[in-house]
Amino acid sequence: LDFPNTSSNSSSDLTMTVTGAADGDVVAIGVPNGSYTTGLFVCFVSAANTVTVRFHNTSGGGVDPASGTFRASVLKY
């Protein structure tokens, strides 16, 4: 994923296909080390077979996380 430059105290969303993902499933995200920066990454199933990864910039200025290979695991109970 390649997140755009994200303004202070705002968020950017990108999606990835995860076959079998369904609304309400638990999702764990693996963020590549090079993409970590000031901010938070969260994820959720946003549609059938689709996981949204959200980057929230908690810094006082714009942040552009490095692109990388993110991994999402969907857990079914």
C-alpha atoms as a PDB file:
ATOM      1  CA  LEU A   1       0.000   0.000   0.000  1.00  0.00           C
ATOM      2  CA  ASP A   2       1.130   3.525  -0.690  1.00  0.00           C
ATOM      3  CA  PHE A   3      -0.616   6.031   1.549  1.00  0.00           C
ATOM      4  CA  PRO A   4      -0.699   9.657   0.413  1.00  0.00           C
ATOM      5  CA  ASN A   5       0.688  12.582   2.360  1.00  0.00           C
ATOM      6  CA  THR A   6      -1.839  12.892   5.187  1.00  0.00           C
ATOM      7  CA  SER A   7      -2.477  16.218   6.942  1.00  0.00           C
ATOM      8  CA  SER A   8      -2.177  16.699  10.669  1.00  0.00           C
ATOM      9  CA  ASN A   9      -4.977  15.061  12.680  1.00  0.00           C
ATOM     10  CA  SER A  10      -6.622  13.515   9.619  1.00  0.00           C
ATOM     11  CA  SER A  11      -6.850  10.046   8.083  1.00  0.00           C
ATOM     12  CA  SER A  12      -6.276   8.298   4.765  1.00  0.00           C
ATOM     13  CA  ASP A  13      -7.912   5.000   3.767  1.00  0.00           C
ATOM     14  CA  LEU A  14      -6.719   2.340   1.340  1.00  0.00           C
ATOM     15  CA  THR A  15      -8.299  -1.043   0.668  1.00  0.00           C
ATOM     16  CA  MET A  16      -7.035  -4.534   0.040  1.00  0.00           C
ATOM     17  CA  THR A  17      -8.792  -7.685  -1.096  1.00  0.00           C
ATOM     18  CA  VAL A  18      -9.011 -10.449   1.507  1.00  0.00           C
ATOM     19  CA  THR A  19     -11.071 -13.318   0.175  1.00  0.00           C
ATOM     20  CA  GLY A  20     -13.697 -14.466   2.649  1.00  0.00           C
ATOM     21  CA  ALA A  21     -13.628 -11.317   4.788  1.00  0.00           C
ATOM     22  CA  ALA A  22     -17.118 -10.462   6.064  1.00  0.00           C
ATOM     23  CA  ASP A  23     -18.650  -7.604   8.036  1.00  0.00           C
ATOM     24  CA  GLY A  24     -17.822  -7.925  11.736  1.00  0.00           C
ATOM     25  CA  ASP A  25     -14.824 -10.252  11.316  1.00  0.00           C
ATOM     26  CA  VAL A  26     -11.779  -9.514  13.462  1.00  0.00           C
ATOM     27  CA  VAL A  27      -8.867  -8.162  11.412  1.00  0.00           C
ATOM     28  CA  ALA A  28      -5.195  -7.938  12.406  1.00  0.00           C
ATOM     29  CA  ILE A  29      -2.834  -5.801  10.337  1.00  0.00           C
ATOM     30  CA  GLY A  30       0.857  -6.329   9.699  1.00  0.00           C
ATOM     31  CA  VAL A  31       2.576  -3.019   8.957  1.00  0.00           C
ATOM     32  CA  PRO A  32       6.031  -3.115   7.354  1.00  0.00           C
ATOM     33  CA  ASN A  33       8.725  -1.591   9.542  1.00  0.00           C
ATOM     34  CA  GLY A  34       9.625   1.051   6.946  1.00  0.00           C
ATOM     35  CA  SER A  35       6.045   2.369   6.893  1.00  0.00           C
ATOM     36  CA  TYR A  36       5.846   3.060  10.633  1.00  0.00           C
ATOM     37  CA  THR A  37       5.819   6.750  11.384  1.00  0.00           C
ATOM     38  CA  THR A  38       4.040   9.158  13.691  1.00  0.00           C
ATOM     39  CA  GLY A  39       0.464   7.967  13.567  1.00  0.00           C
ATOM     40  CA  LEU A  40      -1.764   4.916  13.873  1.00  0.00           C
ATOM     41  CA  PHE A  41      -2.788   2.139  11.483  1.00  0.00           C
ATOM     42  CA  VAL A  42      -6.143   0.418  12.024  1.00  0.00           C
ATOM     43  CA  CYS A  43      -8.128  -1.956   9.843  1.00  0.00           C
ATOM     44  CA  PHE A  44     -11.646  -3.294   9.438  1.00  0.00           C
ATOM     45  CA  VAL A  45     -13.787  -5.226   6.972  1.00  0.00           C
ATOM     46  CA  SER A  46     -15.523  -2.522   4.934  1.00  0.00           C
ATOM     47  CA  ALA A  47     -17.295  -4.794   2.400  1.00  0.00           C
ATOM     48  CA  ALA A  48     -17.377  -8.457   1.456  1.00  0.00           C
ATOM     49  CA  ASN A  49     -13.794  -9.558   0.663  1.00  0.00           C
ATOM     50  CA  THR A  50     -12.463  -6.052   1.349  1.00  0.00           C
ATOM     51  CA  VAL A  51     -10.352  -4.779   4.249  1.00  0.00           C
ATOM     52  CA  THR A  52      -9.836  -1.054   4.708  1.00  0.00           C
ATOM     53  CA  VAL A  53      -6.530   0.046   6.239  1.00  0.00           C
ATOM     54  CA  ARG A  54      -6.719   3.498   7.794  1.00  0.00           C
ATOM     55  CA  PHE A  55      -3.698   5.639   8.613  1.00  0.00           C
ATOM     56  CA  HIS A  56      -4.419   8.375  11.151  1.00  0.00           C
ATOM     57  CA  ASN A  57      -1.793  11.088  11.405  1.00  0.00           C
ATOM     58  CA  THR A  58      -1.419  12.167  15.024  1.00  0.00           C
ATOM     59  CA  SER A  59       1.480  14.558  14.410  1.00  0.00           C
ATOM     60  CA  GLY A  60       1.466  18.321  14.063  1.00  0.00           C
ATOM     61  CA  GLY A  61       2.308  18.260  10.327  1.00  0.00           C
ATOM     62  CA  GLY A  62       1.799  16.257   7.168  1.00  0.00           C
ATOM     63  CA  VAL A  63       3.073  12.655   7.110  1.00  0.00           C
ATOM     64  CA  ASP A  64       3.636  10.418   4.080  1.00  0.00           C
ATOM     65  CA  PRO A  65       4.286   6.829   5.234  1.00  0.00           C
ATOM     66  CA  ALA A  66       6.636   4.838   3.004  1.00  0.00           C
ATOM     67  CA  SER A  67       4.895   2.371   0.713  1.00  0.00           C
ATOM     68  CA  GLY A  68       5.167  -1.266   1.655  1.00  0.00           C
ATOM     69  CA  THR A  69       3.587  -4.704   1.695  1.00  0.00           C
ATOM     70  CA  PHE A  70       0.891  -4.705   4.353  1.00  0.00           C
ATOM     71  CA  ARG A  71      -0.657  -7.987   5.494  1.00  0.00           C
ATOM     72  CA  ALA A  72      -4.145  -8.469   6.850  1.00  0.00           C
ATOM     73  CA  SER A  73      -5.367 -11.557   8.688  1.00  0.00           C
ATOM     74  CA  VAL A  74      -9.080 -12.100   9.096  1.00  0.00           C
ATOM     75  CA  LEU A  75     -10.184 -14.202  12.068  1.00  0.00           C
ATOM     76  CA  LYS A  76     -13.502 -16.007  12.070  1.00  0.00           C
ATOM     77  CA  TYR A  77     -15.165 -17.230  15.236  1.00  0.00           C
END
